[in-house]
Amino acid sequence: MTIFFMALAAYIVGWLLCNLFFVRLIQRDKRSQRMACRRIAEEYFRLAKGVRSLPVDPESEEEWAKNV
């Protein structure tokens, strides 16, 4: 009976350690996802800023001049 409780305790401790490891792994992955999303957003806004500064077509040059 004592062996059963020792095995159960070892199982529970191992399960907790694995969960902590995977939770940290998932959090680190989310952090890297957030950083990747931030880089993509910065690149998108940089490109959008460059595109906005160009006239879309010759008829909208007055509108473009107002925005610049």
N, C-alpha and C. Protein backbone atom coordinates (compact mmCIF):
# COMPACT_ATOMS: atom_id res chain seq x y z
N MET A 1 0.84 -1.20 0.00
CA MET A 1 0.00 0.00 0.00
C MET A 1 0.88 1.25 0.00
N THR A 2 1.99 1.22 0.73
CA THR A 2 2.88 2.38 0.76
C THR A 2 3.50 2.64 -0.62
N ILE A 3 3.80 1.57 -1.33
CA ILE A 3 4.36 1.72 -2.68
C ILE A 3 3.34 2.40 -3.59
N PHE A 4 2.08 2.07 -3.42
CA PHE A 4 1.03 2.68 -4.22
C PHE A 4 0.99 4.19 -3.99
N PHE A 5 1.04 4.62 -2.72
CA PHE A 5 1.00 6.06 -2.42
C PHE A 5 2.27 6.77 -2.89
N MET A 6 3.41 6.10 -2.79
CA MET A 6 4.65 6.69 -3.29
C MET A 6 4.59 6.85 -4.81
N ALA A 7 4.07 5.84 -5.49
CA ALA A 7 3.93 5.92 -6.94
C ALA A 7 2.94 7.01 -7.33
N LEU A 8 1.85 7.11 -6.58
CA LEU A 8 0.85 8.15 -6.84
C LEU A 8 1.45 9.54 -6.63
N ALA A 9 2.22 9.70 -5.56
CA ALA A 9 2.87 10.98 -5.29
C ALA A 9 3.88 11.32 -6.39
N ALA A 10 4.65 10.34 -6.82
CA ALA A 10 5.63 10.57 -7.89
C ALA A 10 4.91 10.95 -9.18
N TYR A 11 3.79 10.29 -9.46
CA TYR A 11 3.01 10.59 -10.66
C TYR A 11 2.48 12.03 -10.61
N ILE A 12 1.94 12.42 -9.46
CA ILE A 12 1.39 13.77 -9.32
C ILE A 12 2.49 14.82 -9.45
N VAL A 13 3.64 14.59 -8.81
CA VAL A 13 4.76 15.54 -8.91
C VAL A 13 5.26 15.62 -10.35
N GLY A 14 5.38 14.50 -11.01
CA GLY A 14 5.81 14.50 -12.41
C GLY A 14 4.81 15.22 -13.31
N TRP A 15 3.53 15.01 -13.06
CA TRP A 15 2.48 15.67 -13.84
C TRP A 15 2.55 17.18 -13.65
N LEU A 16 2.73 17.62 -12.40
CA LEU A 16 2.83 19.06 -12.13
C LEU A 16 4.06 19.67 -12.79
N LEU A 17 5.21 18.99 -12.72
CA LEU A 17 6.42 19.50 -13.35
C LEU A 17 6.26 19.58 -14.87
N CYS A 18 5.64 18.58 -15.47
CA CYS A 18 5.41 18.61 -16.91
C CYS A 18 4.48 19.76 -17.29
N ASN A 19 3.44 19.96 -16.50
CA ASN A 19 2.52 21.06 -16.79
C ASN A 19 3.22 22.41 -16.68
N LEU A 20 4.04 22.57 -15.65
CA LEU A 20 4.78 23.83 -15.51
C LEU A 20 5.71 24.05 -16.69
N PHE A 21 6.37 22.99 -17.12
CA PHE A 21 7.28 23.10 -18.26
C PHE A 21 6.52 23.49 -19.52
N PHE A 22 5.37 22.82 -19.77
CA PHE A 22 4.62 23.12 -20.99
C PHE A 22 3.95 24.48 -20.92
N VAL A 23 3.54 24.91 -19.73
CA VAL A 23 2.96 26.24 -19.59
C VAL A 23 4.02 27.29 -19.92
N ARG A 24 5.23 27.11 -19.42
CA ARG A 24 6.31 28.06 -19.74
C ARG A 24 6.62 28.03 -21.23
N LEU A 25 6.62 26.84 -21.81
CA LEU A 25 6.90 26.72 -23.24
C LEU A 25 5.82 27.44 -24.05
N ILE A 26 4.57 27.26 -23.67
CA ILE A 26 3.47 27.91 -24.38
C ILE A 26 3.55 29.43 -24.20
N GLN A 27 3.87 29.89 -22.98
CA GLN A 27 3.98 31.34 -22.76
C GLN A 27 5.12 31.93 -23.58
N ARG A 28 6.22 31.22 -23.66
CA ARG A 28 7.35 31.72 -24.46
C ARG A 28 6.95 31.78 -25.92
N ASP A 29 6.20 30.77 -26.39
CA ASP A 29 5.74 30.75 -27.77
C ASP A 29 4.79 31.91 -28.02
N LYS A 30 3.90 32.20 -27.07
CA LYS A 30 2.99 33.34 -27.23
C LYS A 30 3.77 34.64 -27.28
N ARG A 31 4.81 34.74 -26.47
CA ARG A 31 5.63 35.96 -26.46
C ARG A 31 6.29 36.14 -27.82
N SER A 32 6.82 35.06 -28.39
CA SER A 32 7.46 35.18 -29.70
C SER A 32 6.42 35.47 -30.77
N GLN A 33 5.19 34.93 -30.60
CA GLN A 33 4.12 35.26 -31.55
C GLN A 33 3.79 36.74 -31.47
N ARG A 34 3.73 37.28 -30.25
CA ARG A 34 3.43 38.71 -30.10
C ARG A 34 4.52 39.56 -30.74
N MET A 35 5.78 39.16 -30.56
CA MET A 35 6.87 39.91 -31.17
C MET A 35 6.80 39.83 -32.69
N ALA A 36 6.46 38.66 -33.22
CA ALA A 36 6.32 38.52 -34.67
C ALA A 36 5.17 39.38 -35.17
N CYS A 37 4.06 39.40 -34.45
CA CYS A 37 2.91 40.22 -34.85
C CYS A 37 3.29 41.70 -34.80
N ARG A 38 4.06 42.08 -33.80
CA ARG A 38 4.48 43.49 -33.71
C ARG A 38 5.37 43.86 -34.89
N ARG A 39 6.31 42.97 -35.26
CA ARG A 39 7.18 43.25 -36.40
C ARG A 39 6.37 43.35 -37.69
N ILE A 40 5.40 42.44 -37.85
CA ILE A 40 4.55 42.48 -39.05
C ILE A 40 3.75 43.78 -39.09
N ALA A 41 3.20 44.18 -37.93
CA ALA A 41 2.42 45.41 -37.88
C ALA A 41 3.28 46.62 -38.18
N GLU A 42 4.50 46.66 -37.64
CA GLU A 42 5.40 47.79 -37.92
C GLU A 42 5.73 47.86 -39.40
N GLU A 43 5.99 46.72 -40.00
CA GLU A 43 6.30 46.69 -41.43
C GLU A 43 5.09 47.12 -42.25
N TYR A 44 3.91 46.66 -41.86
CA TYR A 44 2.69 47.02 -42.56
C TYR A 44 2.46 48.53 -42.49
N PHE A 45 2.60 49.11 -41.29
CA PHE A 45 2.36 50.54 -41.15
C PHE A 45 3.42 51.35 -41.89
N ARG A 46 4.65 50.85 -41.90
CA ARG A 46 5.70 51.55 -42.65
C ARG A 46 5.35 51.56 -44.14
N LEU A 47 4.91 50.41 -44.65
CA LEU A 47 4.52 50.33 -46.06
C LEU A 47 3.27 51.16 -46.33
N ALA A 48 2.30 51.10 -45.41
CA ALA A 48 1.06 51.86 -45.61
C ALA A 48 1.35 53.35 -45.60
N LYS A 49 2.29 53.78 -44.77
CA LYS A 49 2.65 55.19 -44.72
C LYS A 49 3.27 55.62 -46.06
N GLY A 50 4.11 54.76 -46.61
CA GLY A 50 4.71 55.06 -47.91
C GLY A 50 3.69 55.07 -49.03
N VAL A 51 2.73 54.16 -48.98
CA VAL A 51 1.70 54.09 -50.01
C VAL A 51 0.77 55.29 -49.91
N ARG A 52 0.46 55.72 -48.69
CA ARG A 52 -0.46 56.83 -48.51
C ARG A 52 0.14 58.13 -49.04
N SER A 53 1.47 58.23 -49.03
CA SER A 53 2.09 59.47 -49.47
C SER A 53 2.13 59.58 -51.00
N LEU A 54 1.75 58.52 -51.70
CA LEU A 54 1.72 58.57 -53.16
C LEU A 54 0.29 58.79 -53.66
N PRO A 55 0.10 59.55 -54.73
CA PRO A 55 -1.26 59.71 -55.26
C PRO A 55 -1.74 58.40 -55.89
N VAL A 56 -3.01 58.09 -55.68
CA VAL A 56 -3.56 56.86 -56.23
C VAL A 56 -3.76 57.01 -57.73
N ASP A 57 -4.37 58.08 -58.13
CA ASP A 57 -4.55 58.37 -59.54
C ASP A 57 -4.45 59.89 -59.75
N PRO A 58 -4.25 60.34 -60.97
CA PRO A 58 -4.04 61.78 -61.20
C PRO A 58 -5.20 62.66 -60.75
N GLU A 59 -6.43 62.13 -60.77
CA GLU A 59 -7.59 62.94 -60.36
C GLU A 59 -7.57 63.26 -58.87
N SER A 60 -6.90 62.43 -58.08
CA SER A 60 -6.92 62.64 -56.63
C SER A 60 -5.67 63.37 -56.14
N GLU A 61 -4.98 64.07 -57.04
CA GLU A 61 -3.77 64.79 -56.62
C GLU A 61 -4.07 65.90 -55.63
N GLU A 62 -5.23 66.55 -55.79
CA GLU A 62 -5.60 67.60 -54.83
C GLU A 62 -5.81 67.00 -53.44
N GLU A 63 -6.46 65.85 -53.41
CA GLU A 63 -6.67 65.16 -52.13
C GLU A 63 -5.33 64.74 -51.53
N TRP A 64 -4.44 64.27 -52.39
CA TRP A 64 -3.11 63.87 -51.94
C TRP A 64 -2.35 65.06 -51.38
N ALA A 65 -2.46 66.21 -52.05
CA ALA A 65 -1.76 67.40 -51.60
C ALA A 65 -2.27 67.84 -50.23
N LYS A 66 -3.55 67.64 -49.96
CA LYS A 66 -4.11 67.99 -48.64
C LYS A 66 -3.53 67.08 -47.55
N ASN A 67 -3.33 65.81 -47.88
CA ASN A 67 -2.85 64.84 -46.89
C ASN A 67 -1.37 65.01 -46.60
N VAL A 68 -0.62 65.58 -47.52
CA VAL A 68 0.83 65.70 -47.33
C VAL A 68 1.18 66.88 -46.54
